[in-house]
Each structure stands twice: as C-alpha cells, then as structure tokens.
C-alpha atoms as a PDB file:
ATOM      1  CA  MET A   1      -0.002   0.061   0.017  1.00  0.00           C
ATOM      2  CA  ALA A   2       1.388   3.448  -1.042  1.00  0.00           C
ATOM      3  CA  ARG A   3       2.215   5.791   1.919  1.00  0.00           C
ATOM      4  CA  VAL A   4       0.280   9.094   1.766  1.00  0.00           C
ATOM      5  CA  GLN A   5       1.899  12.210   2.904  1.00  0.00           C
ATOM      6  CA  PHE A   6      -0.067  14.964   4.403  1.00  0.00           C
ATOM      7  CA  ARG A   7       1.160  18.549   4.838  1.00  0.00           C
ATOM      8  CA  ARG A   8      -1.103  21.018   6.466  1.00  0.00           C
ATOM      9  CA  ASP A   9      -1.479  24.373   4.396  1.00  0.00           C
ATOM     10  CA  SER A  10      -2.071  26.854   7.341  1.00  0.00           C
ATOM     11  CA  ASN A  11      -2.288  29.850   4.906  1.00  0.00           C
ATOM     12  CA  GLY A  12      -4.911  28.065   2.748  1.00  0.00           C
ATOM     13  CA  ILE A  13      -6.802  27.025   5.833  1.00  0.00           C
ATOM     14  CA  ALA A  14      -6.867  30.590   7.103  1.00  0.00           C
ATOM     15  CA  GLU A  15      -7.966  31.824   3.633  1.00  0.00           C
ATOM     16  CA  VAL A  16     -10.999  29.395   3.613  1.00  0.00           C
ATOM     17  CA  LEU A  17     -11.805  30.349   7.220  1.00  0.00           C
ATOM     18  CA  ARG A  18     -12.089  34.069   6.135  1.00  0.00           C
ATOM     19  CA  SER A  19     -13.820  33.304   2.926  1.00  0.00           C
ATOM     20  CA  ARG A  20     -17.202  34.706   1.792  1.00  0.00           C
ATOM     21  CA  GLY A  21     -18.784  31.277   1.832  1.00  0.00           C
ATOM     22  CA  VAL A  22     -17.766  30.510   5.442  1.00  0.00           C
ATOM     23  CA  ARG A  23     -18.809  34.099   6.496  1.00  0.00           C
ATOM     24  CA  ASP A  24     -22.209  33.509   4.943  1.00  0.00           C
ATOM     25  CA  ALA A  25     -22.623  30.170   6.689  1.00  0.00           C
ATOM     26  CA  ILE A  26     -21.677  31.624  10.058  1.00  0.00           C
ATOM     27  CA  HIS A  27     -23.932  34.634   9.520  1.00  0.00           C
ATOM     28  CA  GLY A  28     -26.842  32.354   8.542  1.00  0.00           C
ATOM     29  CA  LEU A  29     -26.334  30.185  11.649  1.00  0.00           C
ATOM     30  CA  ALA A  30     -26.152  33.289  13.802  1.00  0.00           C
ATOM     31  CA  GLU A  31     -29.384  34.616  12.274  1.00  0.00           C
ATOM     32  CA  ARG A  32     -31.065  31.360  13.196  1.00  0.00           C
ATOM     33  CA  VAL A  33     -29.917  31.554  16.796  1.00  0.00           C
ATOM     34  CA  ALA A  34     -31.106  35.244  16.938  1.00  0.00           C
ATOM     35  CA  GLY A  35     -34.515  34.059  15.621  1.00  0.00           C
ATOM     36  CA  ARG A  36     -34.777  31.561  18.409  1.00  0.00           C
ATOM     37  CA  VAL A  37     -33.787  34.160  20.999  1.00  0.00           C
ATOM     38  CA  ARG A  38     -36.376  36.584  19.641  1.00  0.00           C
ATOM     39  CA  ALA A  39     -39.037  33.851  20.007  1.00  0.00           C
ATOM     40  CA  LEU A  40     -38.207  33.545  23.794  1.00  0.00           C
ATOM     41  CA  LEU A  41     -38.379  37.230  24.504  1.00  0.00           C
ATOM     42  CA  PRO A  42     -41.058  39.894  24.581  1.00  0.00           C
ATOM     43  CA  PRO A  43     -42.045  41.192  21.067  1.00  0.00           C
ATOM     44  CA  GLY A  44     -39.991  44.028  19.833  1.00  0.00           C
ATOM     45  CA  THR A  45     -36.892  43.190  21.871  1.00  0.00           C
ATOM     46  CA  ASP A  46     -33.900  44.218  19.878  1.00  0.00           C
ATOM     47  CA  VAL A  47     -31.668  41.116  19.063  1.00  0.00           C
ATOM     48  CA  VAL A  48     -28.890  41.623  16.507  1.00  0.00           C
ATOM     49  CA  VAL A  49     -26.292  39.809  14.810  1.00  0.00           C
ATOM     50  CA  ASP A  50     -22.894  41.499  14.432  1.00  0.00           C
ATOM     51  CA  ASP A  51     -20.379  39.998  12.040  1.00  0.00           C
ATOM     52  CA  TYR A  52     -16.623  40.301  12.495  1.00  0.00           C
ATOM     53  CA  THR A  53     -13.350  38.682  11.466  1.00  0.00           C
ATOM     54  CA  THR A  54     -10.415  37.647  13.718  1.00  0.00           C
ATOM     55  CA  ASP A  55      -8.384  34.787  12.228  1.00  0.00           C
ATOM     56  CA  ARG A  56     -11.626  33.594  10.903  1.00  0.00           C
ATOM     57  CA  ALA A  57     -15.158  34.725  10.152  1.00  0.00           C
ATOM     58  CA  ALA A  58     -17.231  35.109  13.210  1.00  0.00           C
ATOM     59  CA  SER A  59     -20.647  36.443  14.338  1.00  0.00           C
ATOM     60  CA  ALA A  60     -22.151  37.446  17.680  1.00  0.00           C
ATOM     61  CA  VAL A  61     -25.753  37.543  18.746  1.00  0.00           C
ATOM     62  CA  THR A  62     -26.596  40.347  21.196  1.00  0.00           C
ATOM     63  CA  ILE A  63     -29.723  41.239  23.108  1.00  0.00           C
ATOM     64  CA  ARG A  64     -29.688  45.096  23.023  1.00  0.00           C
ATOM     65  CA  ASP A  65     -31.995  45.549  26.048  1.00  0.00           C
ATOM     66  CA  MET A  66     -31.169  46.336  29.602  1.00  0.00           C
ATOM     67  CA  SER A  67     -32.804  43.122  30.598  1.00  0.00           C
ATOM     68  CA  GLY A  68     -30.694  40.973  28.347  1.00  0.00           C
ATOM     69  CA  ARG A  69     -28.279  39.938  31.070  1.00  0.00           C
ATOM     70  CA  LEU A  70     -31.080  39.046  33.349  1.00  0.00           C
ATOM     71  CA  TRP A  71     -32.776  36.948  30.678  1.00  0.00           C
ATOM     72  CA  GLN A  72     -29.598  35.130  29.920  1.00  0.00           C
ATOM     73  CA  ALA A  73     -28.616  34.624  33.635  1.00  0.00           C
ATOM     74  CA  ARG A  74     -32.154  33.644  34.698  1.00  0.00           C
ATOM     75  CA  ASP A  75     -33.400  31.698  31.664  1.00  0.00           C
ATOM     76  CA  GLY A  76     -30.294  31.047  29.499  1.00  0.00           C
ATOM     77  CA  VAL A  77     -31.998  32.318  26.391  1.00  0.00           C
ATOM     78  CA  LEU A  78     -28.920  32.739  24.337  1.00  0.00           C
ATOM     79  CA  THR A  79     -27.362  29.388  25.484  1.00  0.00           C
ATOM     80  CA  ARG A  80     -30.682  27.567  24.854  1.00  0.00           C
ATOM     81  CA  ALA A  81     -31.041  29.133  21.395  1.00  0.00           C
ATOM     82  CA  ALA A  82     -27.410  28.258  20.435  1.00  0.00           C
ATOM     83  CA  SER A  83     -27.784  24.703  21.721  1.00  0.00           C
ATOM     84  CA  ALA A  84     -30.937  24.266  19.845  1.00  0.00           C
ATOM     85  CA  GLU A  85     -28.997  25.015  16.666  1.00  0.00           C
ATOM     86  CA  GLY A  86     -26.433  22.300  17.579  1.00  0.00           C
ATOM     87  CA  LEU A  87     -23.753  24.611  18.851  1.00  0.00           C
ATOM     88  CA  GLU A  88     -21.629  23.673  21.797  1.00  0.00           C
ATOM     89  CA  VAL A  89     -21.796  26.313  24.482  1.00  0.00           C
ATOM     90  CA  ARG A  90     -19.028  26.748  27.000  1.00  0.00           C
ATOM     91  CA  GLU A  91     -17.367  29.324  29.098  1.00  0.00           C
ATOM     92  CA  ARG A  92     -14.767  31.460  27.347  1.00  0.00           C
ATOM     93  CA  GLY A  93     -11.296  30.152  27.814  1.00  0.00           C
ATOM     94  CA  SER A  94     -12.299  26.642  28.836  1.00  0.00           C
END
C-alpha cells in the first residue's frame, strides 16, 4: 500500500476560514440563533447579529436591552437558542 503524505497548508486554511462562503454560513447560523432568541423574548426586543473577523469569520448574537443579562442569567435564552442549533456552548477560555 502506498504511503500518503499530508502537509497542512495553514495559509490555505486561514484563507478558507475568512472566505465569503464561510462568512455567509456563520452569519446564517447566527441569524437562526437570533430568531430563536427573539421567540423567547417579549415582542420588539432588539436582538442583533454582528459579524466580525479575527483569524476567521465570526458572528455574535446580542440582546440590546437592559434586561438581556437578566434573561440570560435567569433563563439562559442565548445558551438555549445556540444549543438548539447544535452549537456547543461553554465558558470562554475553557
């Protein structure tokens, strides 16, 4: 059996992670999470998706309401919505 060599192309991987296709996929998932959050909160609550790039494409879902932290602490609305979309939720840095 022929031996296969593998060499990781870090620059190529980084390029893919910042690509338009990955950005669109991440944004779409964040929009689905935001939709689930909106369904758990009072009508008209401002829930937004902000896109940004670090070493890869990323999106953040934010509740722009003074009660947002309370709803997350008490009911876990962001955590539940993300988990319902199949995302693994864990503390930052763990």
